[in-house]
Structure formats: structure tokens, C-alpha cells
Amino acid sequence: MEELPKVIRDVSDKDLWKLRAQGRQDLVKYARQRLVHQYQLLAADPEAVSTIRQALDPQILTLGFARRFTGVGR
């Protein structure tokens, strides 16, 4: 375990940036697939489904949030 911090420090900035970019690409791809699936379940017209396939640009900052609901009376 003591070697892990050294290994992390030795990763180049270029490799970290590539990893970050790939993660962003993967997230956008996943989100697009989910949106297309939801639109298809709602029987959206093919033009709307085609448009949604281009949603979310991985080159533009996208902020989101989620709410978590807990049980009442806890």
C-alpha cells in the first residue's frame, strides 16, 4: 500500500487527461443510450429520437444533480 502514492505521482498529466477524457466520452455515450431508450419507450417520433442521439456534448461542461429521498420519519 505504501507504493500506491508513488505510483499515482508517477502517472503523467497527459495520461491523466486522456483517462478523464475517455471517462467523459463513456458517460456521454451511456447517457445518450439511456435517453434514446426512454424516448423509444414513450413512442417518440423518429426525428426526436434522432435529435436526442446528439444530446450532451462531451466538449462542453455539463452540470447535473441528483436528489435522494429517504424514508419518512427516520
PDB file of N, CA and C in Angstrom:
ATOM      1  N   MET A   1       0.805  -1.206   0.000  1.00  0.00           N
ATOM      2  CA  MET A   1       0.000   0.000   0.000  1.00  0.00           C
ATOM      3  C   MET A   1       0.843   1.263   0.000  1.00  0.00           C
ATOM      4  N   GLU A   2       2.017   1.215   0.590  1.00  0.00           N
ATOM      5  CA  GLU A   2       2.859   2.396   0.651  1.00  0.00           C
ATOM      6  C   GLU A   2       3.348   2.804  -0.735  1.00  0.00           C
ATOM      7  N   GLU A   3       3.354   1.877  -1.679  1.00  0.00           N
ATOM      8  CA  GLU A   3       3.833   2.175  -3.022  1.00  0.00           C
ATOM      9  C   GLU A   3       2.780   2.906  -3.851  1.00  0.00           C
ATOM     10  N   LEU A   4       1.513   2.805  -3.497  1.00  0.00           N
ATOM     11  CA  LEU A   4       0.444   3.401  -4.294  1.00  0.00           C
ATOM     12  C   LEU A   4       0.608   4.905  -4.479  1.00  0.00           C
ATOM     13  N   PRO A   5       0.870   5.701  -3.441  1.00  0.00           N
ATOM     14  CA  PRO A   5       1.043   7.141  -3.677  1.00  0.00           C
ATOM     15  C   PRO A   5       2.147   7.454  -4.685  1.00  0.00           C
ATOM     16  N   LYS A   6       3.246   6.687  -4.645  1.00  0.00           N
ATOM     17  CA  LYS A   6       4.329   6.912  -5.595  1.00  0.00           C
ATOM     18  C   LYS A   6       3.882   6.578  -7.011  1.00  0.00           C
ATOM     19  N   VAL A   7       3.164   5.493  -7.158  1.00  0.00           N
ATOM     20  CA  VAL A   7       2.669   5.097  -8.480  1.00  0.00           C
ATOM     21  C   VAL A   7       1.745   6.182  -9.026  1.00  0.00           C
ATOM     22  N   ILE A   8       0.879   6.701  -8.188  1.00  0.00           N
ATOM     23  CA  ILE A   8      -0.046   7.749  -8.621  1.00  0.00           C
ATOM     24  C   ILE A   8       0.725   9.005  -9.024  1.00  0.00           C
ATOM     25  N   ARG A   9       1.716   9.378  -8.254  1.00  0.00           N
ATOM     26  CA  ARG A   9       2.522  10.565  -8.588  1.00  0.00           C
ATOM     27  C   ARG A   9       3.264  10.394  -9.901  1.00  0.00           C
ATOM     28  N   ASP A  10       3.598   9.163 -10.230  1.00  0.00           N
ATOM     29  CA  ASP A  10       4.370   8.904 -11.444  1.00  0.00           C
ATOM     30  C   ASP A  10       3.520   8.889 -12.722  1.00  0.00           C
ATOM     31  N   VAL A  11       2.216   8.915 -12.593  1.00  0.00           N
ATOM     32  CA  VAL A  11       1.353   8.953 -13.778  1.00  0.00           C
ATOM     33  C   VAL A  11       1.460  10.352 -14.388  1.00  0.00           C
ATOM     34  N   SER A  12       1.689  10.403 -15.674  1.00  0.00           N
ATOM     35  CA  SER A  12       1.876  11.701 -16.341  1.00  0.00           C
ATOM     36  C   SER A  12       0.557  12.468 -16.435  1.00  0.00           C
ATOM     37  N   ASP A  13       0.677  13.776 -16.513  1.00  0.00           N
ATOM     38  CA  ASP A  13      -0.505  14.623 -16.682  1.00  0.00           C
ATOM     39  C   ASP A  13      -1.234  14.266 -17.973  1.00  0.00           C
ATOM     40  N   LYS A  14      -0.481  13.943 -19.002  1.00  0.00           N
ATOM     41  CA  LYS A  14      -1.069  13.581 -20.293  1.00  0.00           C
ATOM     42  C   LYS A  14      -1.939  12.324 -20.150  1.00  0.00           C
ATOM     43  N   ASP A  15      -1.438  11.331 -19.431  1.00  0.00           N
ATOM     44  CA  ASP A  15      -2.203  10.095 -19.236  1.00  0.00           C
ATOM     45  C   ASP A  15      -3.444  10.341 -18.382  1.00  0.00           C
ATOM     46  N   LEU A  16      -3.309  11.178 -17.364  1.00  0.00           N
ATOM     47  CA  LEU A  16      -4.480  11.515 -16.535  1.00  0.00           C
ATOM     48  C   LEU A  16      -5.542  12.232 -17.363  1.00  0.00           C
ATOM     49  N   TRP A  17      -5.114  13.145 -18.223  1.00  0.00           N
ATOM     50  CA  TRP A  17      -6.052  13.889 -19.059  1.00  0.00           C
ATOM     51  C   TRP A  17      -6.754  12.950 -20.047  1.00  0.00           C
ATOM     52  N   LYS A  18      -5.995  12.001 -20.593  1.00  0.00           N
ATOM     53  CA  LYS A  18      -6.599  11.017 -21.508  1.00  0.00           C
ATOM     54  C   LYS A  18      -7.643  10.173 -20.781  1.00  0.00           C
ATOM     55  N   LEU A  19      -7.313   9.767 -19.576  1.00  0.00           N
ATOM     56  CA  LEU A  19      -8.246   8.973 -18.783  1.00  0.00           C
ATOM     57  C   LEU A  19      -9.518   9.765 -18.481  1.00  0.00           C
ATOM     58  N   ARG A  20      -9.360  11.026 -18.129  1.00  0.00           N
ATOM     59  CA  ARG A  20     -10.502  11.886 -17.854  1.00  0.00           C
ATOM     60  C   ARG A  20     -11.374  12.048 -19.105  1.00  0.00           C
ATOM     61  N   ALA A  21     -10.731  12.293 -20.239  1.00  0.00           N
ATOM     62  CA  ALA A  21     -11.473  12.471 -21.494  1.00  0.00           C
ATOM     63  C   ALA A  21     -12.229  11.201 -21.870  1.00  0.00           C
ATOM     64  N   GLN A  22     -11.595  10.040 -21.690  1.00  0.00           N
ATOM     65  CA  GLN A  22     -12.263   8.774 -22.009  1.00  0.00           C
ATOM     66  C   GLN A  22     -13.456   8.551 -21.088  1.00  0.00           C
ATOM     67  N   GLY A  23     -13.301   8.874 -19.820  1.00  0.00           N
ATOM     68  CA  GLY A  23     -14.410   8.744 -18.883  1.00  0.00           C
ATOM     69  C   GLY A  23     -15.581   9.630 -19.271  1.00  0.00           C
ATOM     70  N   ARG A  24     -15.278  10.852 -19.698  1.00  0.00           N
ATOM     71  CA  ARG A  24     -16.325  11.782 -20.131  1.00  0.00           C
ATOM     72  C   ARG A  24     -17.031  11.237 -21.376  1.00  0.00           C
ATOM     73  N   GLN A  25     -16.257  10.721 -22.325  1.00  0.00           N
ATOM     74  CA  GLN A  25     -16.845  10.135 -23.540  1.00  0.00           C
ATOM     75  C   GLN A  25     -17.766   8.966 -23.188  1.00  0.00           C
ATOM     76  N   ASP A  26     -17.317   8.111 -22.293  1.00  0.00           N
ATOM     77  CA  ASP A  26     -18.112   6.953 -21.883  1.00  0.00           C
ATOM     78  C   ASP A  26     -19.407   7.379 -21.200  1.00  0.00           C
ATOM     79  N   LEU A  27     -19.333   8.402 -20.355  1.00  0.00           N
ATOM     80  CA  LEU A  27     -20.521   8.886 -19.658  1.00  0.00           C
ATOM     81  C   LEU A  27     -21.535   9.482 -20.625  1.00  0.00           C
ATOM     82  N   VAL A  28     -21.069  10.274 -21.580  1.00  0.00           N
ATOM     83  CA  VAL A  28     -21.967  10.863 -22.579  1.00  0.00           C
ATOM     84  C   VAL A  28     -22.606   9.759 -23.422  1.00  0.00           C
ATOM     85  N   LYS A  29     -21.830   8.776 -23.810  1.00  0.00           N
ATOM     86  CA  LYS A  29     -22.369   7.659 -24.604  1.00  0.00           C
ATOM     87  C   LYS A  29     -23.465   6.932 -23.825  1.00  0.00           C
ATOM     88  N   TYR A  30     -23.200   6.661 -22.557  1.00  0.00           N
ATOM     89  CA  TYR A  30     -24.185   5.979 -21.715  1.00  0.00           C
ATOM     90  C   TYR A  30     -25.455   6.827 -21.559  1.00  0.00           C
ATOM     91  N   ALA A  31     -25.289   8.109 -21.294  1.00  0.00           N
ATOM     92  CA  ALA A  31     -26.448   8.990 -21.110  1.00  0.00           C
ATOM     93  C   ALA A  31     -27.276   9.063 -22.391  1.00  0.00           C
ATOM     94  N   ARG A  32     -26.620   9.141 -23.524  1.00  0.00           N
ATOM     95  CA  ARG A  32     -27.351   9.173 -24.803  1.00  0.00           C
ATOM     96  C   ARG A  32     -28.142   7.877 -25.008  1.00  0.00           C
ATOM     97  N   GLN A  33     -27.521   6.744 -24.706  1.00  0.00           N
ATOM     98  CA  GLN A  33     -28.223   5.466 -24.865  1.00  0.00           C
ATOM     99  C   GLN A  33     -29.465   5.420 -23.981  1.00  0.00           C
ATOM    100  N   ARG A  34     -29.335   5.881 -22.746  1.00  0.00           N
ATOM    101  CA  ARG A  34     -30.475   5.883 -21.816  1.00  0.00           C
ATOM    102  C   ARG A  34     -31.586   6.817 -22.311  1.00  0.00           C
ATOM    103  N   LEU A  35     -31.193   7.998 -22.803  1.00  0.00           N
ATOM    104  CA  LEU A  35     -32.190   8.936 -23.312  1.00  0.00           C
ATOM    105  C   LEU A  35     -32.925   8.370 -24.516  1.00  0.00           C
ATOM    106  N   VAL A  36     -32.184   7.769 -25.442  1.00  0.00           N
ATOM    107  CA  VAL A  36     -32.809   7.164 -26.623  1.00  0.00           C
ATOM    108  C   VAL A  36     -33.782   6.071 -26.190  1.00  0.00           C
ATOM    109  N   HIS A  37     -33.360   5.246 -25.262  1.00  0.00           N
ATOM    110  CA  HIS A  37     -34.224   4.174 -24.777  1.00  0.00           C
ATOM    111  C   HIS A  37     -35.509   4.743 -24.159  1.00  0.00           C
ATOM    112  N   GLN A  38     -35.385   5.781 -23.354  1.00  0.00           N
ATOM    113  CA  GLN A  38     -36.568   6.392 -22.732  1.00  0.00           C
ATOM    114  C   GLN A  38     -37.489   6.994 -23.789  1.00  0.00           C
ATOM    115  N   TYR A  39     -36.921   7.678 -24.773  1.00  0.00           N
ATOM    116  CA  TYR A  39     -37.742   8.257 -25.838  1.00  0.00           C
ATOM    117  C   TYR A  39     -38.453   7.154 -26.626  1.00  0.00           C
ATOM    118  N   GLN A  40     -37.770   6.061 -26.875  1.00  0.00           N
ATOM    119  CA  GLN A  40     -38.395   4.962 -27.612  1.00  0.00           C
ATOM    120  C   GLN A  40     -39.529   4.334 -26.802  1.00  0.00           C
ATOM    121  N   LEU A  41     -39.340   4.213 -25.497  1.00  0.00           N
ATOM    122  CA  LEU A  41     -40.409   3.685 -24.641  1.00  0.00           C
ATOM    123  C   LEU A  41     -41.638   4.580 -24.673  1.00  0.00           C
ATOM    124  N   LEU A  42     -41.415   5.872 -24.827  1.00  0.00           N
ATOM    125  CA  LEU A  42     -42.519   6.836 -24.892  1.00  0.00           C
ATOM    126  C   LEU A  42     -43.090   6.965 -26.304  1.00  0.00           C
ATOM    127  N   ALA A  43     -42.594   6.129 -27.212  1.00  0.00           N
ATOM    128  CA  ALA A  43     -43.047   6.119 -28.606  1.00  0.00           C
ATOM    129  C   ALA A  43     -42.854   7.480 -29.269  1.00  0.00           C
ATOM    130  N   ALA A  44     -41.718   8.100 -28.996  1.00  0.00           N
ATOM    131  CA  ALA A  44     -41.407   9.389 -29.616  1.00  0.00           C
ATOM    132  C   ALA A  44     -41.185   9.192 -31.106  1.00  0.00           C
ATOM    133  N   ASP A  45     -41.427  10.254 -31.854  1.00  0.00           N
ATOM    134  CA  ASP A  45     -41.251  10.135 -33.298  1.00  0.00           C
ATOM    135  C   ASP A  45     -39.758   9.974 -33.626  1.00  0.00           C
ATOM    136  N   PRO A  46     -39.460   9.340 -34.741  1.00  0.00           N
ATOM    137  CA  PRO A  46     -38.067   9.050 -35.103  1.00  0.00           C
ATOM    138  C   PRO A  46     -37.181  10.301 -35.175  1.00  0.00           C
ATOM    139  N   GLU A  47     -37.745  11.429 -35.564  1.00  0.00           N
ATOM    140  CA  GLU A  47     -36.962  12.671 -35.632  1.00  0.00           C
ATOM    141  C   GLU A  47     -36.492  13.096 -34.235  1.00  0.00           C
ATOM    142  N   ALA A  48     -37.352  12.968 -33.249  1.00  0.00           N
ATOM    143  CA  ALA A  48     -36.983  13.310 -31.872  1.00  0.00           C
ATOM    144  C   ALA A  48     -35.900  12.365 -31.368  1.00  0.00           C
ATOM    145  N   VAL A  49     -36.045  11.081 -31.680  1.00  0.00           N
ATOM    146  CA  VAL A  49     -35.043  10.098 -31.257  1.00  0.00           C
ATOM    147  C   VAL A  49     -33.705  10.406 -31.928  1.00  0.00           C
ATOM    148  N   SER A  50     -33.737  10.780 -33.190  1.00  0.00           N
ATOM    149  CA  SER A  50     -32.512  11.121 -33.914  1.00  0.00           C
ATOM    150  C   SER A  50     -31.839  12.341 -33.286  1.00  0.00           C
ATOM    151  N   THR A  51     -32.629  13.325 -32.903  1.00  0.00           N
ATOM    152  CA  THR A  51     -32.088  14.538 -32.279  1.00  0.00           C
ATOM    153  C   THR A  51     -31.455  14.221 -30.938  1.00  0.00           C
ATOM    154  N   ILE A  52     -32.098  13.381 -30.167  1.00  0.00           N
ATOM    155  CA  ILE A  52     -31.604  13.075 -28.827  1.00  0.00           C
ATOM    156  C   ILE A  52     -30.293  12.284 -28.885  1.00  0.00           C
ATOM    157  N   ARG A  53     -30.042  11.612 -29.992  1.00  0.00           N
ATOM    158  CA  ARG A  53     -28.772  10.878 -30.142  1.00  0.00           C
ATOM    159  C   ARG A  53     -27.571  11.828 -30.146  1.00  0.00           C
ATOM    160  N   GLN A  54     -27.827  13.112 -30.361  1.00  0.00           N
ATOM    161  CA  GLN A  54     -26.753  14.111 -30.375  1.00  0.00           C
ATOM    162  C   GLN A  54     -26.706  14.930 -29.081  1.00  0.00           C
ATOM    163  N   ALA A  55     -27.554  14.584 -28.114  1.00  0.00           N
ATOM    164  CA  ALA A  55     -27.602  15.327 -26.854  1.00  0.00           C
ATOM    165  C   ALA A  55     -26.283  15.204 -26.108  1.00  0.00           C
ATOM    166  N   LEU A  56     -25.977  16.192 -25.348  1.00  0.00           N
ATOM    167  CA  LEU A  56     -24.783  16.237 -24.500  1.00  0.00           C
ATOM    168  C   LEU A  56     -23.497  16.220 -25.320  1.00  0.00           C
ATOM    169  N   ASP A  57     -22.812  17.296 -25.286  1.00  0.00           N
ATOM    170  CA  ASP A  57     -21.536  17.423 -25.981  1.00  0.00           C
ATOM    171  C   ASP A  57     -20.415  17.174 -24.978  1.00  0.00           C
ATOM    172  N   PRO A  58     -19.579  16.163 -25.216  1.00  0.00           N
ATOM    173  CA  PRO A  58     -18.512  15.869 -24.258  1.00  0.00           C
ATOM    174  C   PRO A  58     -17.473  16.987 -24.150  1.00  0.00           C
ATOM    175  N   GLN A  59     -17.500  17.945 -25.058  1.00  0.00           N
ATOM    176  CA  GLN A  59     -16.557  19.062 -25.024  1.00  0.00           C
ATOM    177  C   GLN A  59     -17.101  20.272 -24.262  1.00  0.00           C
ATOM    178  N   ILE A  60     -18.349  20.174 -23.790  1.00  0.00           N
ATOM    179  CA  ILE A  60     -18.984  21.273 -23.059  1.00  0.00           C
ATOM    180  C   ILE A  60     -19.266  20.816 -21.636  1.00  0.00           C
ATOM    181  N   LEU A  61     -18.947  21.684 -20.684  1.00  0.00           N
ATOM    182  CA  LEU A  61     -19.201  21.383 -19.286  1.00  0.00           C
ATOM    183  C   LEU A  61     -20.693  21.173 -19.057  1.00  0.00           C
ATOM    184  N   THR A  62     -21.042  20.057 -18.456  1.00  0.00           N
ATOM    185  CA  THR A  62     -22.426  19.745 -18.141  1.00  0.00           C
ATOM    186  C   THR A  62     -22.522  19.498 -16.647  1.00  0.00           C
ATOM    187  N   LEU A  63     -23.388  20.235 -16.001  1.00  0.00           N
ATOM    188  CA  LEU A  63     -23.582  20.069 -14.565  1.00  0.00           C
ATOM    189  C   LEU A  63     -24.897  19.357 -14.330  1.00  0.00           C
ATOM    190  N   GLY A  64     -24.934  18.527 -13.340  1.00  0.00           N
ATOM    191  CA  GLY A  64     -26.167  17.823 -13.002  1.00  0.00           C
ATOM    192  C   GLY A  64     -26.244  17.627 -11.511  1.00  0.00           C
ATOM    193  N   PHE A  65     -27.380  17.205 -11.071  1.00  0.00           N
ATOM    194  CA  PHE A  65     -27.542  16.918  -9.655  1.00  0.00           C
ATOM    195  C   PHE A  65     -28.547  15.800  -9.502  1.00  0.00           C
ATOM    196  N   ALA A  66     -28.529  15.196  -8.362  1.00  0.00           N
ATOM    197  CA  ALA A  66     -29.477  14.125  -8.069  1.00  0.00           C
ATOM    198  C   ALA A  66     -30.006  14.348  -6.660  1.00  0.00           C
ATOM    199  N   ARG A  67     -31.220  13.959  -6.452  1.00  0.00           N
ATOM    200  CA  ARG A  67     -31.814  14.050  -5.126  1.00  0.00           C
ATOM    201  C   ARG A  67     -32.040  12.641  -4.621  1.00  0.00           C
ATOM    202  N   ARG A  68     -31.794  12.480  -3.382  1.00  0.00           N
ATOM    203  CA  ARG A  68     -32.018  11.170  -2.775  1.00  0.00           C
ATOM    204  C   ARG A  68     -33.088  11.333  -1.710  1.00  0.00           C
ATOM    205  N   PHE A  69     -34.114  10.537  -1.819  1.00  0.00           N
ATOM    206  CA  PHE A  69     -35.208  10.604  -0.870  1.00  0.00           C
ATOM    207  C   PHE A  69     -35.021   9.513   0.176  1.00  0.00           C
ATOM    208  N   THR A  70     -35.288   9.861   1.388  1.00  0.00           N
ATOM    209  CA  THR A  70     -35.178   8.894   2.474  1.00  0.00           C
ATOM    210  C   THR A  70     -36.573   8.579   2.995  1.00  0.00           C
ATOM    211  N   GLY A  71     -36.646   7.550   3.784  1.00  0.00           N
ATOM    212  CA  GLY A  71     -37.933   7.172   4.363  1.00  0.00           C
ATOM    213  C   GLY A  71     -38.482   8.243   5.288  1.00  0.00           C
ATOM    214  N   VAL A  72     -39.773   8.348   5.361  1.00  0.00           N
ATOM    215  CA  VAL A  72     -40.433   9.338   6.214  1.00  0.00           C
ATOM    216  C   VAL A  72     -40.282   8.907   7.684  1.00  0.00           C
ATOM    217  N   GLY A  73     -39.985   9.865   8.540  1.00  0.00           N
ATOM    218  CA  GLY A  73     -39.943   9.597   9.966  1.00  0.00           C
ATOM    219  C   GLY A  73     -38.660   8.970  10.460  1.00  0.00           C
ATOM    220  N   ARG A  74     -37.647   9.001   9.673  1.00  0.00           N
ATOM    221  CA  ARG A  74     -36.366   8.426  10.113  1.00  0.00           C
ATOM    222  C   ARG A  74     -35.513   9.451  10.771  1.00  0.00           C
TER     223      ARG A  74
END
